Amino acid sequence: MSVCIKDNIQNMNLVIGCTVGCSYCYARNNVKRYYIIDDFSKPEFFPKKLRLMEKKRPQNFLLTGMSDLAGWQPEWRDKVFAKIQENPQHQFLFLSKRPDLLNFETDLENAWFGVTVTKKSELWRIDTLKANIRAKHYHVTFEPLFDDPGKVDLAGIDWIVVGTMTGAQSKKIRTAPEWAYSLVEQAHVLGIPAFMKEDLVPIISEENMIQEFPKQFVEVLEKQRKWNKKNSKK
């Protein structure tokens, strides 16, 4: 049975809105449908949600499920980083498609910075990520894939995720099995864990799924189970 990434990494939407403007953006459609903010192209910060980080139950969190880190104001980022520092029981992930607009350094042990790559012409984002964000952990998400990314320089990357187009365009745009296999193989040569998202099951079949998490995420999930077991007895 395939593992659902959403069950292991939860969204915490501290910022909603994005200036990148991808035509296939599910977040923009959801914001418009549920009237979450007035204008998705103008990101908004919700600082009251920072208290969610204070939960004692360990969790892996994605903080950019409805935004792009490049669209965050520096003062928002500073407040979030300070809160991350106070809560080492969690792991926190960030994603961006515009690492060229970012430039900062952090020594946070539990923060992971990544880029989304959807085609070969976007591979520059990986090197720019490492150059512009001086951090402890890096990851790359290959989703959706519009063409074969080919040979990828994954040196210094700690985790990759591979997926495909979802929603209305999923019948027209699909990640080819050989692209997914190649990315996983390239990661494994360097000892990098790789996670195939559950939406790839219809394309490559469940028995061929590879779903690996970094050891830090696995440790959080193990602590989470112990926490659940301990507190269920109260």
C-alpha atoms as a PDB file:
ATOM      1  CA  MET A   1       0.000   0.000   0.000  1.00  0.00           C
ATOM      2  CA  SER A   2       1.351   3.415  -0.938  1.00  0.00           C
ATOM      3  CA  VAL A   3       1.993   6.021   1.732  1.00  0.00           C
ATOM      4  CA  CYS A   4       0.129   9.320   1.478  1.00  0.00           C
ATOM      5  CA  ILE A   5       2.544  12.203   1.936  1.00  0.00           C
ATOM      6  CA  LYS A   6      -0.276  14.347   3.321  1.00  0.00           C
ATOM      7  CA  ASP A   7      -0.660  11.937   6.229  1.00  0.00           C
ATOM      8  CA  ASN A   8       2.993  12.396   7.168  1.00  0.00           C
ATOM      9  CA  ILE A   9       3.574  16.050   6.304  1.00  0.00           C
ATOM     10  CA  GLN A  10       0.867  18.484   7.340  1.00  0.00           C
ATOM     11  CA  ASN A  11       0.161  21.879   5.772  1.00  0.00           C
ATOM     12  CA  MET A  12       0.462  24.948   7.962  1.00  0.00           C
ATOM     13  CA  ASN A  13      -0.511  27.890   5.787  1.00  0.00           C
ATOM     14  CA  LEU A  14       1.026  30.833   7.635  1.00  0.00           C
ATOM     15  CA  VAL A  15       1.134  32.771   4.364  1.00  0.00           C
ATOM     16  CA  ILE A  16      -1.550  32.533   1.691  1.00  0.00           C
ATOM     17  CA  GLY A  17      -1.001  33.933  -1.772  1.00  0.00           C
ATOM     18  CA  CYS A  18       1.658  33.713  -4.464  1.00  0.00           C
ATOM     19  CA  THR A  19       3.108  36.024  -7.101  1.00  0.00           C
ATOM     20  CA  VAL A  20       4.521  33.315  -9.409  1.00  0.00           C
ATOM     21  CA  GLY A  21       1.275  32.750 -11.314  1.00  0.00           C
ATOM     22  CA  CYS A  22       1.436  29.101 -12.443  1.00  0.00           C
ATOM     23  CA  SER A  23      -1.471  28.225 -14.744  1.00  0.00           C
ATOM     24  CA  TYR A  24      -2.035  24.885 -12.971  1.00  0.00           C
ATOM     25  CA  CYS A  25      -2.014  26.274  -9.394  1.00  0.00           C
ATOM     26  CA  TYR A  26      -4.456  24.343  -7.199  1.00  0.00           C
ATOM     27  CA  ALA A  27      -3.949  26.762  -4.294  1.00  0.00           C
ATOM     28  CA  ARG A  28      -5.159  29.762  -6.277  1.00  0.00           C
ATOM     29  CA  ASN A  29      -8.283  27.854  -7.315  1.00  0.00           C
ATOM     30  CA  ASN A  30      -8.999  26.828  -3.715  1.00  0.00           C
ATOM     31  CA  VAL A  31      -8.533  30.370  -2.428  1.00  0.00           C
ATOM     32  CA  LYS A  32     -10.903  31.687  -5.061  1.00  0.00           C
ATOM     33  CA  ARG A  33     -13.446  28.949  -4.412  1.00  0.00           C
ATOM     34  CA  TYR A  34     -13.519  29.398  -0.634  1.00  0.00           C
ATOM     35  CA  TYR A  35     -12.877  33.167  -0.573  1.00  0.00           C
ATOM     36  CA  ILE A  36      -9.890  32.781   1.768  1.00  0.00           C
ATOM     37  CA  ILE A  37      -8.230  36.070   0.764  1.00  0.00           C
ATOM     38  CA  ASP A  38      -9.273  38.781  -1.675  1.00  0.00           C
ATOM     39  CA  ASP A  39      -6.357  38.597  -4.115  1.00  0.00           C
ATOM     40  CA  PHE A  40      -4.166  35.485  -4.377  1.00  0.00           C
ATOM     41  CA  SER A  41      -1.460  37.467  -6.181  1.00  0.00           C
ATOM     42  CA  LYS A  42      -0.955  39.549  -3.007  1.00  0.00           C
ATOM     43  CA  PRO A  43       0.315  37.196  -0.251  1.00  0.00           C
ATOM     44  CA  GLU A  44      -1.039  37.713   3.257  1.00  0.00           C
ATOM     45  CA  PHE A  45       0.578  36.656   6.555  1.00  0.00           C
ATOM     46  CA  PHE A  46      -1.481  35.114   9.375  1.00  0.00           C
ATOM     47  CA  PRO A  47       0.734  35.484  12.473  1.00  0.00           C
ATOM     48  CA  LYS A  48      -1.907  34.085  14.850  1.00  0.00           C
ATOM     49  CA  LYS A  49      -1.273  30.670  13.286  1.00  0.00           C
ATOM     50  CA  LEU A  50       2.255  30.699  14.713  1.00  0.00           C
ATOM     51  CA  ARG A  51       0.831  29.279  17.931  1.00  0.00           C
ATOM     52  CA  LEU A  52       0.214  26.015  16.040  1.00  0.00           C
ATOM     53  CA  MET A  53       3.973  25.447  16.186  1.00  0.00           C
ATOM     54  CA  GLU A  54       3.773  25.195  19.973  1.00  0.00           C
ATOM     55  CA  LYS A  55       2.098  21.793  19.822  1.00  0.00           C
ATOM     56  CA  LYS A  56       4.064  19.260  21.835  1.00  0.00           C
ATOM     57  CA  ARG A  57       3.093  16.392  19.547  1.00  0.00           C
ATOM     58  CA  PRO A  58       5.943  16.142  16.984  1.00  0.00           C
ATOM     59  CA  GLN A  59       4.977  16.815  13.390  1.00  0.00           C
ATOM     60  CA  ASN A  60       6.462  17.398   9.941  1.00  0.00           C
ATOM     61  CA  PHE A  61       5.033  20.631   8.515  1.00  0.00           C
ATOM     62  CA  LEU A  62       4.977  22.142   5.024  1.00  0.00           C
ATOM     63  CA  LEU A  63       4.748  25.914   5.427  1.00  0.00           C
ATOM     64  CA  THR A  64       4.334  26.884   1.765  1.00  0.00           C
ATOM     65  CA  GLY A  65       1.383  24.796   0.625  1.00  0.00           C
ATOM     66  CA  MET A  66      -0.468  27.967  -0.416  1.00  0.00           C
ATOM     67  CA  SER A  67       2.453  30.312  -1.004  1.00  0.00           C
ATOM     68  CA  ASP A  68       6.004  30.581  -2.329  1.00  0.00           C
ATOM     69  CA  LEU A  69       8.812  31.447   0.065  1.00  0.00           C
ATOM     70  CA  ALA A  70      10.038  34.059  -2.417  1.00  0.00           C
ATOM     71  CA  GLY A  71       6.783  35.966  -1.847  1.00  0.00           C
ATOM     72  CA  TRP A  72       7.214  36.202   1.918  1.00  0.00           C
ATOM     73  CA  GLN A  73       8.184  39.542   3.415  1.00  0.00           C
ATOM     74  CA  PRO A  74      11.532  39.329   5.287  1.00  0.00           C
ATOM     75  CA  GLU A  75       9.837  40.329   8.558  1.00  0.00           C
ATOM     76  CA  TRP A  76       7.354  37.436   8.169  1.00  0.00           C
ATOM     77  CA  ARG A  77      10.217  35.049   7.579  1.00  0.00           C
ATOM     78  CA  ASP A  78      12.084  36.321  10.647  1.00  0.00           C
ATOM     79  CA  LYS A  79       9.060  35.749  12.882  1.00  0.00           C
ATOM     80  CA  VAL A  80       8.548  32.242  11.509  1.00  0.00           C
ATOM     81  CA  PHE A  81      12.222  31.328  11.851  1.00  0.00           C
ATOM     82  CA  ALA A  82      12.228  32.520  15.463  1.00  0.00           C
ATOM     83  CA  LYS A  83       9.252  30.285  16.206  1.00  0.00           C
ATOM     84  CA  ILE A  84      10.892  27.332  14.460  1.00  0.00           C
ATOM     85  CA  GLN A  85      13.943  27.808  16.659  1.00  0.00           C
ATOM     86  CA  GLU A  86      11.710  27.520  19.731  1.00  0.00           C
ATOM     87  CA  ASN A  87      10.115  24.264  18.588  1.00  0.00           C
ATOM     88  CA  PRO A  88      12.761  21.649  17.732  1.00  0.00           C
ATOM     89  CA  GLN A  89      10.222  18.824  18.159  1.00  0.00           C
ATOM     90  CA  HIS A  90       8.981  19.522  14.602  1.00  0.00           C
ATOM     91  CA  GLN A  91      10.529  19.544  11.125  1.00  0.00           C
ATOM     92  CA  PHE A  92       9.531  22.378   8.771  1.00  0.00           C
ATOM     93  CA  LEU A  93       9.630  22.444   4.965  1.00  0.00           C
ATOM     94  CA  PHE A  94       9.642  25.407   2.584  1.00  0.00           C
ATOM     95  CA  LEU A  95       9.339  25.452  -1.216  1.00  0.00           C
ATOM     96  CA  SER A  96      10.018  28.083  -3.859  1.00  0.00           C
ATOM     97  CA  LYS A  97      10.011  28.396  -7.634  1.00  0.00           C
ATOM     98  CA  ARG A  98      11.969  31.656  -7.503  1.00  0.00           C
ATOM     99  CA  PRO A  99      15.112  31.001  -5.457  1.00  0.00           C
ATOM    100  CA  ASP A 100      16.745  33.765  -7.503  1.00  0.00           C
ATOM    101  CA  LEU A 101      14.674  36.248  -5.476  1.00  0.00           C
ATOM    102  CA  LEU A 102      15.925  34.906  -2.149  1.00  0.00           C
ATOM    103  CA  ASN A 103      19.144  35.609  -0.298  1.00  0.00           C
ATOM    104  CA  PHE A 104      19.599  34.657   3.338  1.00  0.00           C
ATOM    105  CA  GLU A 105      21.436  32.358   5.727  1.00  0.00           C
ATOM    106  CA  THR A 106      20.092  30.271   8.591  1.00  0.00           C
ATOM    107  CA  ASP A 107      21.498  27.691  10.970  1.00  0.00           C
ATOM    108  CA  LEU A 108      18.118  26.171  11.824  1.00  0.00           C
ATOM    109  CA  GLU A 109      18.527  22.416  12.277  1.00  0.00           C
ATOM    110  CA  ASN A 110      14.849  21.606  11.678  1.00  0.00           C
ATOM    111  CA  ALA A 111      14.165  23.729   8.570  1.00  0.00           C
ATOM    112  CA  TRP A 112      14.280  22.300   5.032  1.00  0.00           C
ATOM    113  CA  PHE A 113      14.448  24.525   1.963  1.00  0.00           C
ATOM    114  CA  GLY A 114      13.491  23.320  -1.464  1.00  0.00           C
ATOM    115  CA  VAL A 115      12.604  24.190  -5.018  1.00  0.00           C
ATOM    116  CA  THR A 116      10.011  22.888  -7.432  1.00  0.00           C
ATOM    117  CA  VAL A 117      11.268  21.741 -10.833  1.00  0.00           C
ATOM    118  CA  THR A 118       8.747  20.987 -13.583  1.00  0.00           C
ATOM    119  CA  LYS A 119      10.978  20.806 -16.667  1.00  0.00           C
ATOM    120  CA  LYS A 120      14.614  20.526 -17.739  1.00  0.00           C
ATOM    121  CA  SER A 121      14.882  24.263 -18.341  1.00  0.00           C
ATOM    122  CA  GLU A 122      14.200  24.849 -14.622  1.00  0.00           C
ATOM    123  CA  LEU A 123      17.115  22.787 -13.284  1.00  0.00           C
ATOM    124  CA  TRP A 124      18.957  26.058 -12.602  1.00  0.00           C
ATOM    125  CA  ARG A 125      16.702  26.435  -9.556  1.00  0.00           C
ATOM    126  CA  ILE A 126      18.595  23.693  -7.702  1.00  0.00           C
ATOM    127  CA  ASP A 127      21.987  25.398  -7.870  1.00  0.00           C
ATOM    128  CA  THR A 128      20.411  28.777  -7.160  1.00  0.00           C
ATOM    129  CA  LEU A 129      18.686  27.340  -4.097  1.00  0.00           C
ATOM    130  CA  LYS A 130      22.002  26.261  -2.589  1.00  0.00           C
ATOM    131  CA  ALA A 131      23.732  29.494  -3.542  1.00  0.00           C
ATOM    132  CA  ASN A 132      21.053  31.894  -2.308  1.00  0.00           C
ATOM    133  CA  ILE A 133      19.871  30.033   0.787  1.00  0.00           C
ATOM    134  CA  ARG A 134      22.723  28.969   3.025  1.00  0.00           C
ATOM    135  CA  ALA A 135      21.028  26.360   5.178  1.00  0.00           C
ATOM    136  CA  LYS A 136      21.382  22.897   6.745  1.00  0.00           C
ATOM    137  CA  HIS A 137      18.919  20.937   4.583  1.00  0.00           C
ATOM    138  CA  TYR A 138      17.759  21.059   0.955  1.00  0.00           C
ATOM    139  CA  HIS A 139      15.093  19.196  -0.999  1.00  0.00           C
ATOM    140  CA  VAL A 140      13.680  19.199  -4.533  1.00  0.00           C
ATOM    141  CA  THR A 141      10.152  18.442  -5.703  1.00  0.00           C
ATOM    142  CA  PHE A 142       9.758  17.308  -9.320  1.00  0.00           C
ATOM    143  CA  GLU A 143       6.050  17.947  -9.830  1.00  0.00           C
ATOM    144  CA  PRO A 144       4.314  18.249 -12.190  1.00  0.00           C
ATOM    145  CA  LEU A 145       6.791  17.186 -14.847  1.00  0.00           C
ATOM    146  CA  PHE A 146       6.235  18.563 -18.356  1.00  0.00           C
ATOM    147  CA  ASP A 147       9.320  16.935 -19.871  1.00  0.00           C
ATOM    148  CA  ASP A 148      12.256  14.686 -19.040  1.00  0.00           C
ATOM    149  CA  PRO A 149      14.625  16.549 -16.673  1.00  0.00           C
ATOM    150  CA  GLY A 150      17.426  14.204 -17.751  1.00  0.00           C
ATOM    151  CA  LYS A 151      20.685  14.221 -15.803  1.00  0.00           C
ATOM    152  CA  VAL A 152      20.268  16.231 -12.610  1.00  0.00           C
ATOM    153  CA  ASP A 153      22.990  17.522 -10.294  1.00  0.00           C
ATOM    154  CA  LEU A 154      21.643  16.493  -6.881  1.00  0.00           C
ATOM    155  CA  ALA A 155      24.870  17.042  -4.957  1.00  0.00           C
ATOM    156  CA  GLY A 156      24.061  18.543  -1.581  1.00  0.00           C
ATOM    157  CA  ILE A 157      20.366  17.677  -1.768  1.00  0.00           C
ATOM    158  CA  ASP A 158      18.891  15.736   1.171  1.00  0.00           C
ATOM    159  CA  TRP A 159      15.552  14.553  -0.258  1.00  0.00           C
ATOM    160  CA  ILE A 160      13.628  14.462  -3.525  1.00  0.00           C
ATOM    161  CA  VAL A 161       9.911  14.085  -4.201  1.00  0.00           C
ATOM    162  CA  VAL A 162       8.505  13.018  -7.568  1.00  0.00           C
ATOM    163  CA  GLY A 163       4.884  13.431  -8.596  1.00  0.00           C
ATOM    164  CA  THR A 164       2.636  14.145 -11.550  1.00  0.00           C
ATOM    165  CA  MET A 165      -0.074  16.567 -12.593  1.00  0.00           C
ATOM    166  CA  THR A 166      -3.333  16.262 -10.665  1.00  0.00           C
ATOM    167  CA  GLY A 167      -6.773  17.686 -11.272  1.00  0.00           C
ATOM    168  CA  ALA A 168      -8.362  18.597 -14.592  1.00  0.00           C
ATOM    169  CA  GLN A 169      -5.111  18.532 -16.599  1.00  0.00           C
ATOM    170  CA  SER A 170      -3.925  15.151 -15.299  1.00  0.00           C
ATOM    171  CA  LYS A 171      -5.118  13.286 -18.413  1.00  0.00           C
ATOM    172  CA  LYS A 172      -3.086  15.524 -20.726  1.00  0.00           C
ATOM    173  CA  ILE A 173       0.069  16.011 -18.651  1.00  0.00           C
ATOM    174  CA  ARG A 174       1.583  12.944 -17.015  1.00  0.00           C
ATOM    175  CA  THR A 175       4.980  12.106 -15.582  1.00  0.00           C
ATOM    176  CA  ALA A 176       6.445   9.330 -17.733  1.00  0.00           C
ATOM    177  CA  PRO A 177       7.483   6.265 -15.673  1.00  0.00           C
ATOM    178  CA  GLU A 178      11.039   6.418 -17.013  1.00  0.00           C
ATOM    179  CA  TRP A 179      11.424  10.021 -15.798  1.00  0.00           C
ATOM    180  CA  ALA A 180      10.368   9.053 -12.286  1.00  0.00           C
ATOM    181  CA  TYR A 181      12.601   5.965 -12.227  1.00  0.00           C
ATOM    182  CA  SER A 182      15.590   7.944 -13.493  1.00  0.00           C
ATOM    183  CA  LEU A 183      15.231  10.624 -10.817  1.00  0.00           C
ATOM    184  CA  VAL A 184      14.967   8.027  -8.066  1.00  0.00           C
ATOM    185  CA  GLU A 185      17.985   6.140  -9.390  1.00  0.00           C
ATOM    186  CA  GLN A 186      20.050   9.325  -9.579  1.00  0.00           C
ATOM    187  CA  ALA A 187      19.103  10.152  -5.980  1.00  0.00           C
ATOM    188  CA  HIS A 188      19.960   6.655  -4.747  1.00  0.00           C
ATOM    189  CA  VAL A 189      23.417   6.776  -6.331  1.00  0.00           C
ATOM    190  CA  LEU A 190      24.133   9.667  -3.950  1.00  0.00           C
ATOM    191  CA  GLY A 191      22.380   8.028  -0.998  1.00  0.00           C
ATOM    192  CA  ILE A 192      19.480  10.489  -1.141  1.00  0.00           C
ATOM    193  CA  PRO A 193      16.028   9.236  -0.054  1.00  0.00           C
ATOM    194  CA  ALA A 194      13.307   9.575  -2.698  1.00  0.00           C
ATOM    195  CA  PHE A 195       9.545   9.729  -2.373  1.00  0.00           C
ATOM    196  CA  MET A 196       7.135   8.925  -5.201  1.00  0.00           C
ATOM    197  CA  LYS A 197       3.821  10.620  -4.494  1.00  0.00           C
ATOM    198  CA  GLU A 198       0.689   8.505  -4.392  1.00  0.00           C
ATOM    199  CA  ASP A 199      -0.654  10.132  -7.564  1.00  0.00           C
ATOM    200  CA  LEU A 200       1.974   8.123  -9.476  1.00  0.00           C
ATOM    201  CA  VAL A 201       0.344   4.793  -8.582  1.00  0.00           C
ATOM    202  CA  PRO A 202      -1.894   4.677 -11.714  1.00  0.00           C
ATOM    203  CA  ILE A 203       1.165   5.415 -13.849  1.00  0.00           C
ATOM    204  CA  ILE A 204       3.822   3.099 -12.442  1.00  0.00           C
ATOM    205  CA  SER A 205       1.730   0.665 -10.332  1.00  0.00           C
ATOM    206  CA  GLU A 206       1.763   0.304  -6.575  1.00  0.00           C
ATOM    207  CA  GLU A 207       4.377  -2.459  -6.443  1.00  0.00           C
ATOM    208  CA  ASN A 208       6.934  -0.152  -8.095  1.00  0.00           C
ATOM    209  CA  MET A 209       6.408   2.729  -5.701  1.00  0.00           C
ATOM    210  CA  ILE A 210       9.418   3.971  -3.735  1.00  0.00           C
ATOM    211  CA  GLN A 211       8.486   6.130  -0.753  1.00  0.00           C
ATOM    212  CA  GLU A 212      11.353   7.162   1.478  1.00  0.00           C
ATOM    213  CA  PHE A 213      11.613   9.967   4.030  1.00  0.00           C
ATOM    214  CA  PRO A 214      14.749  11.584   5.453  1.00  0.00           C
ATOM    215  CA  LYS A 215      15.722  10.069   8.779  1.00  0.00           C
ATOM    216  CA  GLN A 216      14.758  13.301  10.580  1.00  0.00           C
ATOM    217  CA  PHE A 217      11.174  12.961   9.308  1.00  0.00           C
ATOM    218  CA  VAL A 218      11.074   9.294  10.256  1.00  0.00           C
ATOM    219  CA  GLU A 219      12.275  10.138  13.765  1.00  0.00           C
ATOM    220  CA  VAL A 220       9.473  12.680  14.093  1.00  0.00           C
ATOM    221  CA  LEU A 221       6.885  10.095  13.003  1.00  0.00           C
ATOM    222  CA  GLU A 222       8.264   7.563  15.502  1.00  0.00           C
ATOM    223  CA  LYS A 223       8.103  10.131  18.308  1.00  0.00           C
ATOM    224  CA  GLN A 224       4.607  10.998  17.161  1.00  0.00           C
ATOM    225  CA  ARG A 225       3.468   7.389  17.501  1.00  0.00           C
ATOM    226  CA  LYS A 226       5.011   7.139  20.971  1.00  0.00           C
ATOM    227  CA  TRP A 227       3.348  10.412  21.956  1.00  0.00           C
ATOM    228  CA  ASN A 228      -0.027   9.145  20.676  1.00  0.00           C
ATOM    229  CA  LYS A 229       0.362   5.860  22.560  1.00  0.00           C
ATOM    230  CA  LYS A 230       1.354   7.589  25.799  1.00  0.00           C
ATOM    231  CA  ASN A 231      -1.452  10.138  25.675  1.00  0.00           C
ATOM    232  CA  SER A 232      -4.129   7.628  24.647  1.00  0.00           C
ATOM    233  CA  LYS A 233      -3.736   6.022  28.067  1.00  0.00           C
ATOM    234  CA  LYS A 234      -4.558   9.211  29.936  1.00  0.00           C
END
